[in-house]
PDB file of N, CA and C in Angstrom:
ATOM      1  N   MET A   1     -11.420   8.766   6.861  1.00  0.00           N
ATOM      2  CA  MET A   1     -11.070  10.162   6.786  1.00  0.00           C
ATOM      3  C   MET A   1     -11.657  10.867   7.913  1.00  0.00           C
ATOM      4  N   ASP A   2     -12.806  10.506   8.381  1.00  0.00           N
ATOM      5  CA  ASP A   2     -13.273  11.119   9.642  1.00  0.00           C
ATOM      6  C   ASP A   2     -12.445  10.794  10.866  1.00  0.00           C
ATOM      7  N   ALA A   3     -11.894   9.674  10.941  1.00  0.00           N
ATOM      8  CA  ALA A   3     -11.076   9.295  12.154  1.00  0.00           C
ATOM      9  C   ALA A   3      -9.858  10.155  12.133  1.00  0.00           C
ATOM     10  N   ALA A   4      -9.283  10.482  10.803  1.00  0.00           N
ATOM     11  CA  ALA A   4      -8.079  11.245  10.654  1.00  0.00           C
ATOM     12  C   ALA A   4      -8.403  12.703  11.064  1.00  0.00           C
ATOM     13  N   ILE A   5      -9.533  13.300  10.662  1.00  0.00           N
ATOM     14  CA  ILE A   5      -9.887  14.580  11.116  1.00  0.00           C
ATOM     15  C   ILE A   5     -10.120  14.777  12.648  1.00  0.00           C
ATOM     16  N   LYS A   6     -10.781  13.710  13.190  1.00  0.00           N
ATOM     17  CA  LYS A   6     -10.909  13.651  14.628  1.00  0.00           C
ATOM     18  C   LYS A   6      -9.631  13.666  15.378  1.00  0.00           C
ATOM     19  N   ALA A   7      -8.743  12.834  14.930  1.00  0.00           N
ATOM     20  CA  ALA A   7      -7.343  12.681  15.509  1.00  0.00           C
ATOM     21  C   ALA A   7      -6.541  14.006  15.452  1.00  0.00           C
ATOM     22  N   LEU A   8      -6.809  14.758  14.327  1.00  0.00           N
ATOM     23  CA  LEU A   8      -6.062  16.035  14.138  1.00  0.00           C
ATOM     24  C   LEU A   8      -6.563  16.975  15.165  1.00  0.00           C
ATOM     25  N   ARG A   9      -7.890  16.984  15.429  1.00  0.00           N
ATOM     26  CA  ARG A   9      -8.650  17.952  16.346  1.00  0.00           C
ATOM     27  C   ARG A   9      -8.168  17.650  17.754  1.00  0.00           C
ATOM     28  N   GLU A  10      -7.837  16.317  18.043  1.00  0.00           N
ATOM     29  CA  GLU A  10      -7.474  15.909  19.318  1.00  0.00           C
ATOM     30  C   GLU A  10      -5.865  16.262  19.533  1.00  0.00           C
ATOM     31  N   GLY A  11      -5.205  16.692  18.511  1.00  0.00           N
ATOM     32  CA  GLY A  11      -3.843  17.079  18.673  1.00  0.00           C
ATOM     33  C   GLY A  11      -2.811  15.966  18.439  1.00  0.00           C
ATOM     34  N   LYS A  12      -3.325  14.889  17.871  1.00  0.00           N
ATOM     35  CA  LYS A  12      -2.340  13.822  17.544  1.00  0.00           C
ATOM     36  C   LYS A  12      -1.285  14.206  16.429  1.00  0.00           C
ATOM     37  N   ASP A  13      -0.027  13.588  16.559  1.00  0.00           N
ATOM     38  CA  ASP A  13       0.868  13.993  15.533  1.00  0.00           C
ATOM     39  C   ASP A  13       0.477  13.360  14.130  1.00  0.00           C
ATOM     40  N   LEU A  14       0.945  14.104  13.146  1.00  0.00           N
ATOM     41  CA  LEU A  14       0.552  13.711  11.738  1.00  0.00           C
ATOM     42  C   LEU A  14       1.390  12.525  11.242  1.00  0.00           C
ATOM     43  N   SER A  15       2.818  12.518  11.617  1.00  0.00           N
ATOM     44  CA  SER A  15       3.543  11.522  10.910  1.00  0.00           C
ATOM     45  C   SER A  15       4.530  10.810  11.960  1.00  0.00           C
ATOM     46  N   ALA A  16       4.218  10.888  13.285  1.00  0.00           N
ATOM     47  CA  ALA A  16       5.076  10.160  14.234  1.00  0.00           C
ATOM     48  C   ALA A  16       4.563   8.843  14.309  1.00  0.00           C
ATOM     49  N   GLN A  17       5.198   8.025  15.167  1.00  0.00           N
ATOM     50  CA  GLN A  17       4.760   6.562  15.387  1.00  0.00           C
ATOM     51  C   GLN A  17       3.379   6.628  15.965  1.00  0.00           C
ATOM     52  N   GLY A  18       2.441   5.916  15.375  1.00  0.00           N
ATOM     53  CA  GLY A  18       0.995   5.850  15.696  1.00  0.00           C
ATOM     54  C   GLY A  18       0.234   7.097  15.330  1.00  0.00           C
ATOM     55  N   GLY A  19       0.898   7.990  14.402  1.00  0.00           N
ATOM     56  CA  GLY A  19       0.367   9.149  13.939  1.00  0.00           C
ATOM     57  C   GLY A  19      -0.808   8.892  12.987  1.00  0.00           C
ATOM     58  N   ILE A  20      -1.389   9.976  12.581  1.00  0.00           N
ATOM     59  CA  ILE A  20      -2.571   9.966  11.735  1.00  0.00           C
ATOM     60  C   ILE A  20      -2.281   9.372  10.346  1.00  0.00           C
ATOM     61  N   LEU A  21      -1.087   9.579   9.791  1.00  0.00           N
ATOM     62  CA  LEU A  21      -0.784   9.130   8.477  1.00  0.00           C
ATOM     63  C   LEU A  21      -0.520   7.672   8.471  1.00  0.00           C
ATOM     64  N   THR A  22      -0.046   7.065   9.588  1.00  0.00           N
ATOM     65  CA  THR A  22       0.248   5.638   9.514  1.00  0.00           C
ATOM     66  C   THR A  22      -0.724   4.619   9.008  1.00  0.00           C
ATOM     67  N   PRO A  23      -2.092   4.718   9.474  1.00  0.00           N
ATOM     68  CA  PRO A  23      -3.106   3.886   8.845  1.00  0.00           C
ATOM     69  C   PRO A  23      -3.414   4.220   7.471  1.00  0.00           C
ATOM     70  N   LEU A  24      -3.341   5.466   7.179  1.00  0.00           N
ATOM     71  CA  LEU A  24      -3.668   5.844   5.805  1.00  0.00           C
ATOM     72  C   LEU A  24      -2.561   5.191   4.761  1.00  0.00           C
ATOM     73  N   ILE A  25      -1.412   5.424   5.163  1.00  0.00           N
ATOM     74  CA  ILE A  25      -0.223   4.815   4.300  1.00  0.00           C
ATOM     75  C   ILE A  25      -0.412   3.279   4.200  1.00  0.00           C
ATOM     76  N   LYS A  26      -0.744   2.714   5.311  1.00  0.00           N
ATOM     77  CA  LYS A  26      -0.982   1.235   5.298  1.00  0.00           C
ATOM     78  C   LYS A  26      -2.095   0.850   4.354  1.00  0.00           C
ATOM     79  N   GLN A  27      -3.268   1.449   4.382  1.00  0.00           N
ATOM     80  CA  GLN A  27      -4.382   1.098   3.559  1.00  0.00           C
ATOM     81  C   GLN A  27      -4.088   1.447   2.087  1.00  0.00           C
ATOM     82  N   LEU A  28      -3.498   2.540   1.766  1.00  0.00           N
ATOM     83  CA  LEU A  28      -3.139   2.834   0.485  1.00  0.00           C
ATOM     84  C   LEU A  28      -2.089   1.898  -0.108  1.00  0.00           C
ATOM     85  N   THR A  29      -1.141   1.675   0.698  1.00  0.00           N
ATOM     86  CA  THR A  29      -0.012   0.653   0.098  1.00  0.00           C
ATOM     87  C   THR A  29      -0.629  -0.669  -0.084  1.00  0.00           C
ATOM     88  N   GLU A  30      -1.543  -1.148   0.741  1.00  0.00           N
ATOM     89  CA  GLU A  30      -2.132  -2.470   0.522  1.00  0.00           C
ATOM     90  C   GLU A  30      -3.068  -2.401  -0.786  1.00  0.00           C
ATOM     91  N   ALA A  31      -3.681  -1.345  -0.897  1.00  0.00           N
ATOM     92  CA  ALA A  31      -4.548  -1.240  -2.156  1.00  0.00           C
ATOM     93  C   ALA A  31      -3.725  -1.241  -3.377  1.00  0.00           C
ATOM     94  N   ALA A  32      -2.543  -0.609  -3.337  1.00  0.00           N
ATOM     95  CA  ALA A  32      -1.503  -0.554  -4.461  1.00  0.00           C
ATOM     96  C   ALA A  32      -0.908  -1.974  -4.702  1.00  0.00           C
ATOM     97  N   MET A  33      -0.672  -2.767  -3.587  1.00  0.00           N
ATOM     98  CA  MET A  33      -0.191  -3.997  -3.846  1.00  0.00           C
ATOM     99  C   MET A  33      -1.183  -4.895  -4.525  1.00  0.00           C
ATOM    100  N   LYS A  34      -2.362  -4.852  -4.032  1.00  0.00           N
ATOM    101  CA  LYS A  34      -3.516  -5.538  -4.638  1.00  0.00           C
ATOM    102  C   LYS A  34      -3.630  -5.294  -6.108  1.00  0.00           C
ATOM    103  N   ALA A  35      -3.577  -3.959  -6.428  1.00  0.00           N
ATOM    104  CA  ALA A  35      -3.617  -3.633  -7.877  1.00  0.00           C
ATOM    105  C   ALA A  35      -2.479  -4.136  -8.629  1.00  0.00           C
ATOM    106  N   GLU A  36      -1.282  -4.200  -8.094  1.00  0.00           N
ATOM    107  CA  GLU A  36      -0.111  -4.862  -8.793  1.00  0.00           C
ATOM    108  C   GLU A  36      -0.391  -6.317  -9.100  1.00  0.00           C
ATOM    109  N   LEU A  37      -0.992  -7.062  -8.057  1.00  0.00           N
ATOM    110  CA  LEU A  37      -1.350  -8.489  -8.325  1.00  0.00           C
ATOM    111  C   LEU A  37      -2.399  -8.626  -9.342  1.00  0.00           C
ATOM    112  N   ASP A  38      -3.410  -7.776  -9.280  1.00  0.00           N
ATOM    113  CA  ASP A  38      -4.508  -7.770 -10.322  1.00  0.00           C
ATOM    114  C   ASP A  38      -3.911  -7.591 -11.738  1.00  0.00           C
ATOM    115  N   GLU A  39      -2.945  -6.650 -11.898  1.00  0.00           N
ATOM    116  CA  GLU A  39      -2.398  -6.460 -13.155  1.00  0.00           C
ATOM    117  C   GLU A  39      -1.522  -7.710 -13.588  1.00  0.00           C
ATOM    118  N   ASN A  40      -1.048  -8.394 -12.730  1.00  0.00           N
ATOM    119  CA  ASN A  40      -0.258  -9.577 -12.982  1.00  0.00           C
ATOM    120  C   ASN A  40      -1.177 -10.806 -13.320  1.00  0.00           C
ATOM    121  N   LEU A  41      -2.368 -10.798 -12.772  1.00  0.00           N
ATOM    122  CA  LEU A  41      -3.211 -12.021 -12.922  1.00  0.00           C
ATOM    123  C   LEU A  41      -4.203 -11.741 -13.959  1.00  0.00           C
ATOM    124  N   ILE A  42      -3.817 -11.439 -15.162  1.00  0.00           N
ATOM    125  CA  ILE A  42      -4.691 -11.266 -16.299  1.00  0.00           C
ATOM    126  C   ILE A  42      -5.373 -12.668 -16.708  1.00  0.00           C
ATOM    127  N   PRO A  43      -6.693 -12.884 -16.539  1.00  0.00           N
ATOM    128  CA  PRO A  43      -7.323 -14.203 -16.719  1.00  0.00           C
ATOM    129  C   PRO A  43      -7.069 -14.716 -18.114  1.00  0.00           C
ATOM    130  N   ASP A  44      -6.900 -14.045 -19.192  1.00  0.00           N
ATOM    131  CA  ASP A  44      -6.664 -14.505 -20.456  1.00  0.00           C
ATOM    132  C   ASP A  44      -5.309 -15.171 -20.642  1.00  0.00           C
ATOM    133  N   LYS A  45      -4.418 -14.648 -19.902  1.00  0.00           N
ATOM    134  CA  LYS A  45      -2.882 -15.046 -20.092  1.00  0.00           C
ATOM    135  C   LYS A  45      -2.461 -16.174 -19.182  1.00  0.00           C
ATOM    136  N   THR A  46      -3.137 -16.410 -18.029  1.00  0.00           N
ATOM    137  CA  THR A  46      -2.645 -17.421 -17.125  1.00  0.00           C
ATOM    138  C   THR A  46      -3.829 -17.914 -16.309  1.00  0.00           C
ATOM    139  N   PRO A  47      -3.852 -19.222 -15.899  1.00  0.00           N
ATOM    140  CA  PRO A  47      -4.895 -19.754 -14.975  1.00  0.00           C
ATOM    141  C   PRO A  47      -4.561 -19.368 -13.527  1.00  0.00           C
ATOM    142  N   ASN A  48      -3.427 -18.766 -13.278  1.00  0.00           N
ATOM    143  CA  ASN A  48      -3.088 -18.499 -11.834  1.00  0.00           C
ATOM    144  C   ASN A  48      -4.156 -17.526 -11.292  1.00  0.00           C
ATOM    145  N   ARG A  49      -4.277 -17.533  -9.927  1.00  0.00           N
ATOM    146  CA  ARG A  49      -5.274 -16.709  -9.209  1.00  0.00           C
ATOM    147  C   ARG A  49      -4.677 -16.361  -7.849  1.00  0.00           C
ATOM    148  N   ARG A  50      -5.447 -15.517  -7.184  1.00  0.00           N
ATOM    149  CA  ARG A  50      -5.121 -15.021  -5.744  1.00  0.00           C
ATOM    150  C   ARG A  50      -5.086 -16.254  -4.777  1.00  0.00           C
ATOM    151  N   ASP A  51      -4.202 -16.029  -3.764  1.00  0.00           N
ATOM    152  CA  ASP A  51      -4.135 -17.119  -2.798  1.00  0.00           C
ATOM    153  C   ASP A  51      -3.915 -16.448  -1.307  1.00  0.00           C
ATOM    154  N   GLY A  52      -4.744 -15.552  -0.987  1.00  0.00           N
ATOM    155  CA  GLY A  52      -4.631 -14.902   0.273  1.00  0.00           C
ATOM    156  C   GLY A  52      -3.598 -13.941   0.345  1.00  0.00           C
ATOM    157  N   SER A  53      -3.168 -13.669   1.672  1.00  0.00           N
ATOM    158  CA  SER A  53      -2.037 -12.808   1.849  1.00  0.00           C
ATOM    159  C   SER A  53      -1.310 -13.136   3.105  1.00  0.00           C
ATOM    160  N   THR A  54      -0.173 -12.616   3.303  1.00  0.00           N
ATOM    161  CA  THR A  54       0.839 -12.825   4.396  1.00  0.00           C
ATOM    162  C   THR A  54       1.096 -11.566   5.067  1.00  0.00           C
ATOM    163  N   GLY A  55       1.266 -11.652   6.328  1.00  0.00           N
ATOM    164  CA  GLY A  55       1.716 -10.394   7.136  1.00  0.00           C
ATOM    165  C   GLY A  55       3.081 -10.080   6.964  1.00  0.00           C
ATOM    166  N   LYS A  56       3.455  -8.789   6.928  1.00  0.00           N
ATOM    167  CA  LYS A  56       4.756  -8.218   6.923  1.00  0.00           C
ATOM    168  C   LYS A  56       4.833  -6.965   7.676  1.00  0.00           C
ATOM    169  N   THR A  57       5.749  -6.956   8.667  1.00  0.00           N
ATOM    170  CA  THR A  57       6.030  -5.658   9.330  1.00  0.00           C
ATOM    171  C   THR A  57       7.010  -4.737   8.605  1.00  0.00           C
ATOM    172  N   VAL A  58       6.465  -3.526   8.350  1.00  0.00           N
ATOM    173  CA  VAL A  58       7.345  -2.570   7.710  1.00  0.00           C
ATOM    174  C   VAL A  58       7.539  -1.268   8.478  1.00  0.00           C
ATOM    175  N   LYS A  59       8.603  -0.618   8.341  1.00  0.00           N
ATOM    176  CA  LYS A  59       8.835   0.657   8.985  1.00  0.00           C
ATOM    177  C   LYS A  59       8.802   1.787   7.963  1.00  0.00           C
ATOM    178  N   SER A  60       8.187   2.931   8.521  1.00  0.00           N
ATOM    179  CA  SER A  60       8.256   4.227   7.507  1.00  0.00           C
ATOM    180  C   SER A  60       8.483   5.268   8.446  1.00  0.00           C
ATOM    181  N   LEU A  61       8.639   6.469   7.762  1.00  0.00           N
ATOM    182  CA  LEU A  61       8.733   7.695   8.556  1.00  0.00           C
ATOM    183  C   LEU A  61       7.429   7.989   9.363  1.00  0.00           C
ATOM    184  N   ALA A  62       6.322   7.420   8.933  1.00  0.00           N
ATOM    185  CA  ALA A  62       5.059   7.565   9.711  1.00  0.00           C
ATOM    186  C   ALA A  62       4.860   6.567  10.747  1.00  0.00           C
ATOM    187  N   GLY A  63       5.817   5.626  10.913  1.00  0.00           N
ATOM    188  CA  GLY A  63       5.648   4.593  11.987  1.00  0.00           C
ATOM    189  C   GLY A  63       5.806   3.212  11.418  1.00  0.00           C
ATOM    190  N   GLU A  64       5.638   2.259  12.354  1.00  0.00           N
ATOM    191  CA  GLU A  64       5.739   0.813  11.985  1.00  0.00           C
ATOM    192  C   GLU A  64       4.345   0.243  11.935  1.00  0.00           C
ATOM    193  N   PHE A  65       4.111  -0.632  10.918  1.00  0.00           N
ATOM    194  CA  PHE A  65       2.824  -1.263  10.756  1.00  0.00           C
ATOM    195  C   PHE A  65       2.859  -2.555  10.030  1.00  0.00           C
ATOM    196  N   GLU A  66       1.841  -3.352  10.126  1.00  0.00           N
ATOM    197  CA  GLU A  66       1.763  -4.647   9.458  1.00  0.00           C
ATOM    198  C   GLU A  66       0.993  -4.562   8.223  1.00  0.00           C
ATOM    199  N   LEU A  67       1.727  -4.987   7.096  1.00  0.00           N
ATOM    200  CA  LEU A  67       1.068  -4.881   5.750  1.00  0.00           C
ATOM    201  C   LEU A  67       0.628  -6.298   5.394  1.00  0.00           C
ATOM    202  N   LYS A  68      -0.441  -6.518   4.760  1.00  0.00           N
ATOM    203  CA  LYS A  68      -0.937  -7.750   4.246  1.00  0.00           C
ATOM    204  C   LYS A  68      -0.558  -7.829   2.733  1.00  0.00           C
ATOM    205  N   THR A  69       0.457  -8.637   2.541  1.00  0.00           N
ATOM    206  CA  THR A  69       0.979  -8.643   1.215  1.00  0.00           C
ATOM    207  C   THR A  69       0.355  -9.890   0.487  1.00  0.00           C
ATOM    208  N   PRO A  70      -0.288  -9.637  -0.756  1.00  0.00           N
ATOM    209  CA  PRO A  70      -1.054 -10.559  -1.489  1.00  0.00           C
ATOM    210  C   PRO A  70      -0.127 -11.636  -2.049  1.00  0.00           C
ATOM    211  N   ARG A  71      -0.645 -12.776  -2.289  1.00  0.00           N
ATOM    212  CA  ARG A  71       0.043 -13.898  -2.830  1.00  0.00           C
ATOM    213  C   ARG A  71      -0.754 -14.468  -4.002  1.00  0.00           C
ATOM    214  N   ASP A  72      -0.016 -15.122  -4.946  1.00  0.00           N
ATOM    215  CA  ASP A  72      -0.755 -15.857  -5.963  1.00  0.00           C
ATOM    216  C   ASP A  72      -0.536 -17.276  -5.804  1.00  0.00           C
ATOM    217  N   ARG A  73      -1.580 -18.108  -6.369  1.00  0.00           N
ATOM    218  CA  ARG A  73      -1.489 -19.543  -6.199  1.00  0.00           C
ATOM    219  C   ARG A  73      -0.259 -20.262  -6.680  1.00  0.00           C
ATOM    220  N   ALA A  74       0.200 -19.826  -7.767  1.00  0.00           N
ATOM    221  CA  ALA A  74       1.461 -20.418  -8.385  1.00  0.00           C
ATOM    222  C   ALA A  74       2.707 -20.052  -7.739  1.00  0.00           C
ATOM    223  N   GLY A  75       2.728 -18.989  -6.923  1.00  0.00           N
ATOM    224  CA  GLY A  75       3.899 -18.504  -6.314  1.00  0.00           C
ATOM    225  C   GLY A  75       4.872 -17.860  -7.135  1.00  0.00           C
ATOM    226  N   THR A  76       4.473 -17.317  -8.269  1.00  0.00           N
ATOM    227  CA  THR A  76       5.320 -16.661  -9.281  1.00  0.00           C
ATOM    228  C   THR A  76       5.282 -15.246  -9.149  1.00  0.00           C
ATOM    229  N   PHE A  77       4.339 -14.582  -8.426  1.00  0.00           N
ATOM    230  CA  PHE A  77       4.214 -13.231  -8.391  1.00  0.00           C
ATOM    231  C   PHE A  77       5.077 -12.598  -7.414  1.00  0.00           C
ATOM    232  N   GLU A  78       5.908 -11.613  -7.756  1.00  0.00           N
ATOM    233  CA  GLU A  78       6.745 -10.847  -6.857  1.00  0.00           C
ATOM    234  C   GLU A  78       6.475  -9.394  -6.858  1.00  0.00           C
ATOM    235  N   LEU A  79       6.103  -8.839  -5.644  1.00  0.00           N
ATOM    236  CA  LEU A  79       5.680  -7.426  -5.551  1.00  0.00           C
ATOM    237  C   LEU A  79       6.931  -6.616  -6.016  1.00  0.00           C
ATOM    238  N   GLN A  80       6.673  -5.529  -6.619  1.00  0.00           N
ATOM    239  CA  GLN A  80       7.640  -4.396  -6.981  1.00  0.00           C
ATOM    240  C   GLN A  80       7.505  -3.274  -6.049  1.00  0.00           C
ATOM    241  N   ILE A  81       6.350  -3.001  -5.580  1.00  0.00           N
ATOM    242  CA  ILE A  81       6.094  -1.912  -4.646  1.00  0.00           C
ATOM    243  C   ILE A  81       6.803  -2.016  -3.395  1.00  0.00           C
ATOM    244  N   VAL A  82       6.602  -3.222  -2.696  1.00  0.00           N
ATOM    245  CA  VAL A  82       7.264  -3.605  -1.448  1.00  0.00           C
ATOM    246  C   VAL A  82       7.919  -4.932  -1.654  1.00  0.00           C
ATOM    247  N   LYS A  83       9.159  -4.934  -2.023  1.00  0.00           N
ATOM    248  CA  LYS A  83       9.792  -6.205  -2.447  1.00  0.00           C
ATOM    249  C   LYS A  83       9.943  -7.164  -1.240  1.00  0.00           C
ATOM    250  N   LYS A  84      10.170  -8.397  -1.744  1.00  0.00           N
ATOM    251  CA  LYS A  84      10.384  -9.520  -0.812  1.00  0.00           C
ATOM    252  C   LYS A  84      11.599  -9.099   0.205  1.00  0.00           C
ATOM    253  N   HIS A  85      11.422  -9.317   1.458  1.00  0.00           N
ATOM    254  CA  HIS A  85      12.438  -9.088   2.488  1.00  0.00           C
ATOM    255  C   HIS A  85      12.695  -7.551   2.744  1.00  0.00           C
ATOM    256  N   GLN A  86      11.853  -6.642   2.108  1.00  0.00           N
ATOM    257  CA  GLN A  86      12.046  -5.251   2.342  1.00  0.00           C
ATOM    258  C   GLN A  86      11.334  -4.940   3.645  1.00  0.00           C
ATOM    259  N   THR A  87      11.927  -4.183   4.570  1.00  0.00           N
ATOM    260  CA  THR A  87      11.260  -3.966   5.837  1.00  0.00           C
ATOM    261  C   THR A  87      11.144  -2.446   6.063  1.00  0.00           C
ATOM    262  N   HIS A  88      11.640  -1.647   5.096  1.00  0.00           N
ATOM    263  CA  HIS A  88      11.371  -0.077   5.187  1.00  0.00           C
ATOM    264  C   HIS A  88      10.874   0.348   3.861  1.00  0.00           C
ATOM    265  N   LEU A  89       9.682   1.232   4.018  1.00  0.00           N
ATOM    266  CA  LEU A  89       9.190   1.809   2.927  1.00  0.00           C
ATOM    267  C   LEU A  89      10.076   2.999   2.397  1.00  0.00           C
ATOM    268  N   THR A  90      10.209   3.162   1.102  1.00  0.00           N
ATOM    269  CA  THR A  90      11.020   4.196   0.681  1.00  0.00           C
ATOM    270  C   THR A  90      10.307   5.522   0.854  1.00  0.00           C
ATOM    271  N   ASP A  91      11.114   6.592   0.953  1.00  0.00           N
ATOM    272  CA  ASP A  91      10.586   7.877   1.174  1.00  0.00           C
ATOM    273  C   ASP A  91       9.688   8.320  -0.141  1.00  0.00           C
ATOM    274  N   GLU A  92      10.183   7.811  -1.356  1.00  0.00           N
ATOM    275  CA  GLU A  92       9.428   7.955  -2.563  1.00  0.00           C
ATOM    276  C   GLU A  92       8.008   7.407  -2.496  1.00  0.00           C
ATOM    277  N   LEU A  93       7.938   6.234  -1.991  1.00  0.00           N
ATOM    278  CA  LEU A  93       6.685   5.482  -1.983  1.00  0.00           C
ATOM    279  C   LEU A  93       5.748   6.231  -0.991  1.00  0.00           C
ATOM    280  N   GLU A  94       6.244   6.571   0.208  1.00  0.00           N
ATOM    281  CA  GLU A  94       5.446   7.357   1.054  1.00  0.00           C
ATOM    282  C   GLU A  94       4.935   8.712   0.491  1.00  0.00           C
ATOM    283  N   ARG A  95       5.847   9.411  -0.234  1.00  0.00           N
ATOM    284  CA  ARG A  95       5.394  10.761  -0.783  1.00  0.00           C
ATOM    285  C   ARG A  95       4.343  10.401  -1.815  1.00  0.00           C
ATOM    286  N   LYS A  96       4.364   9.360  -2.662  1.00  0.00           N
ATOM    287  CA  LYS A  96       3.366   9.055  -3.664  1.00  0.00           C
ATOM    288  C   LYS A  96       2.016   8.816  -2.997  1.00  0.00           C
ATOM    289  N   VAL A  97       2.104   8.064  -1.858  1.00  0.00           N
ATOM    290  CA  VAL A  97       0.840   7.589  -1.272  1.00  0.00           C
ATOM    291  C   VAL A  97       0.205   8.891  -0.652  1.00  0.00           C
ATOM    292  N   ILE A  98       1.067   9.679   0.076  1.00  0.00           N
ATOM    293  CA  ILE A  98       0.566  10.868   0.696  1.00  0.00           C
ATOM    294  C   ILE A  98      -0.078  11.776  -0.311  1.00  0.00           C
ATOM    295  N   THR A  99       0.672  11.980  -1.434  1.00  0.00           N
ATOM    296  CA  THR A  99       0.197  12.882  -2.502  1.00  0.00           C
ATOM    297  C   THR A  99      -1.160  12.471  -3.065  1.00  0.00           C
ATOM    298  N   LEU A 100      -1.273  11.097  -3.367  1.00  0.00           N
ATOM    299  CA  LEU A 100      -2.521  10.554  -3.868  1.00  0.00           C
ATOM    300  C   LEU A 100      -3.720  10.814  -2.899  1.00  0.00           C
ATOM    301  N   PHE A 101      -3.438  10.594  -1.634  1.00  0.00           N
ATOM    302  CA  PHE A 101      -4.446  10.793  -0.650  1.00  0.00           C
ATOM    303  C   PHE A 101      -4.846  12.309  -0.545  1.00  0.00           C
ATOM    304  N   ALA A 102      -3.819  13.151  -0.560  1.00  0.00           N
ATOM    305  CA  ALA A 102      -3.962  14.598  -0.449  1.00  0.00           C
ATOM    306  C   ALA A 102      -4.833  15.145  -1.661  1.00  0.00           C
ATOM    307  N   LEU A 103      -4.615  14.542  -2.785  1.00  0.00           N
ATOM    308  CA  LEU A 103      -5.311  14.971  -3.969  1.00  0.00           C
ATOM    309  C   LEU A 103      -6.851  14.352  -3.975  1.00  0.00           C
ATOM    310  N   GLY A 104      -7.136  13.541  -2.980  1.00  0.00           N
ATOM    311  CA  GLY A 104      -8.572  13.020  -2.886  1.00  0.00           C
ATOM    312  C   GLY A 104      -8.786  11.808  -3.717  1.00  0.00           C
ATOM    313  N   THR A 105      -7.671  11.171  -4.160  1.00  0.00           N
ATOM    314  CA  THR A 105      -7.806   9.989  -5.000  1.00  0.00           C
ATOM    315  C   THR A 105      -8.563   8.750  -4.243  1.00  0.00           C
ATOM    316  N   SER A 106      -9.402   8.136  -4.829  1.00  0.00           N
ATOM    317  CA  SER A 106     -10.107   6.984  -4.273  1.00  0.00           C
ATOM    318  C   SER A 106      -9.208   5.823  -4.318  1.00  0.00           C
ATOM    319  N   TYR A 107      -9.507   4.747  -3.389  1.00  0.00           N
ATOM    320  CA  TYR A 107      -8.784   3.598  -3.343  1.00  0.00           C
ATOM    321  C   TYR A 107      -8.783   2.980  -4.701  1.00  0.00           C
ATOM    322  N   GLN A 108      -9.959   2.842  -5.330  1.00  0.00           N
ATOM    323  CA  GLN A 108     -10.164   2.233  -6.705  1.00  0.00           C
ATOM    324  C   GLN A 108      -9.301   2.919  -7.715  1.00  0.00           C
ATOM    325  N   ASP A 109      -9.284   4.307  -7.764  1.00  0.00           N
ATOM    326  CA  ASP A 109      -8.466   4.945  -8.627  1.00  0.00           C
ATOM    327  C   ASP A 109      -6.946   4.736  -8.532  1.00  0.00           C
ATOM    328  N   ILE A 110      -6.572   4.596  -7.223  1.00  0.00           N
ATOM    329  CA  ILE A 110      -5.092   4.319  -6.904  1.00  0.00           C
ATOM    330  C   ILE A 110      -4.858   2.960  -7.446  1.00  0.00           C
ATOM    331  N   ARG A 111      -5.813   2.035  -7.227  1.00  0.00           N
ATOM    332  CA  ARG A 111      -5.511   0.609  -7.774  1.00  0.00           C
ATOM    333  C   ARG A 111      -5.338   0.606  -9.152  1.00  0.00           C
ATOM    334  N   ARG A 112      -6.145   1.296  -9.947  1.00  0.00           N
ATOM    335  CA  ARG A 112      -6.224   1.426 -11.359  1.00  0.00           C
ATOM    336  C   ARG A 112      -4.928   2.055 -11.887  1.00  0.00           C
ATOM    337  N   GLY A 113      -4.530   3.127 -11.220  1.00  0.00           N
ATOM    338  CA  GLY A 113      -3.396   3.976 -11.836  1.00  0.00           C
ATOM    339  C   GLY A 113      -2.080   3.672 -11.171  1.00  0.00           C
ATOM    340  N   TRP A 114      -1.960   2.758 -10.295  1.00  0.00           N
ATOM    341  CA  TRP A 114      -0.703   2.612  -9.535  1.00  0.00           C
ATOM    342  C   TRP A 114       0.422   2.163 -10.537  1.00  0.00           C
ATOM    343  N   SER A 115       0.169   1.316 -11.443  1.00  0.00           N
ATOM    344  CA  SER A 115       1.196   0.821 -12.282  1.00  0.00           C
ATOM    345  C   SER A 115       1.838   1.980 -13.110  1.00  0.00           C
ATOM    346  N   LYS A 116       1.116   3.067 -13.423  1.00  0.00           N
ATOM    347  CA  LYS A 116       1.674   4.128 -14.087  1.00  0.00           C
ATOM    348  C   LYS A 116       2.570   4.966 -13.188  1.00  0.00           C
ATOM    349  N   LEU A 117       2.340   4.979 -11.857  1.00  0.00           N
ATOM    350  CA  LEU A 117       3.105   5.763 -10.960  1.00  0.00           C
ATOM    351  C   LEU A 117       4.447   5.068 -10.502  1.00  0.00           C
ATOM    352  N   CYS A 118       4.436   3.836 -10.404  1.00  0.00           N
ATOM    353  CA  CYS A 118       5.575   3.002  -9.868  1.00  0.00           C
ATOM    354  C   CYS A 118       6.646   2.976 -10.903  1.00  0.00           C
ATOM    355  N   VAL A 119       7.795   3.140 -10.419  1.00  0.00           N
ATOM    356  CA  VAL A 119       9.029   2.946 -11.283  1.00  0.00           C
ATOM    357  C   VAL A 119       9.500   1.623 -11.033  1.00  0.00           C
ATOM    358  N   ARG A 120       9.577   0.874 -12.071  1.00  0.00           N
ATOM    359  CA  ARG A 120       9.956  -0.568 -11.995  1.00  0.00           C
ATOM    360  C   ARG A 120      11.291  -0.807 -12.416  1.00  0.00           C
TER     361      ARG A 120
END
């Protein structure tokens, strides 16, 4: 947050390529994807578990960035937030992320509540 405020004071663009929102959208999208995997990996229902992440370049109105998409050991988990082979974030997803950030929502709260916000 401090880096975003400093960048605003320096006159950097808010949503252009390399703008202030780009790293925030990246971080919040990654937190949401982790939450989606957590919801999928309920310990009582399956012995499946996390298995690292893979890089994926996506484009958005706020710029292009590399997302770390989480994987599961069994290979059965498919993200719904950013689907397989998807290279552009939807405007709706960006608006949700920006709104959550603007409301002061913590990463943990976003992770807990993301499944309620996502349209599946």
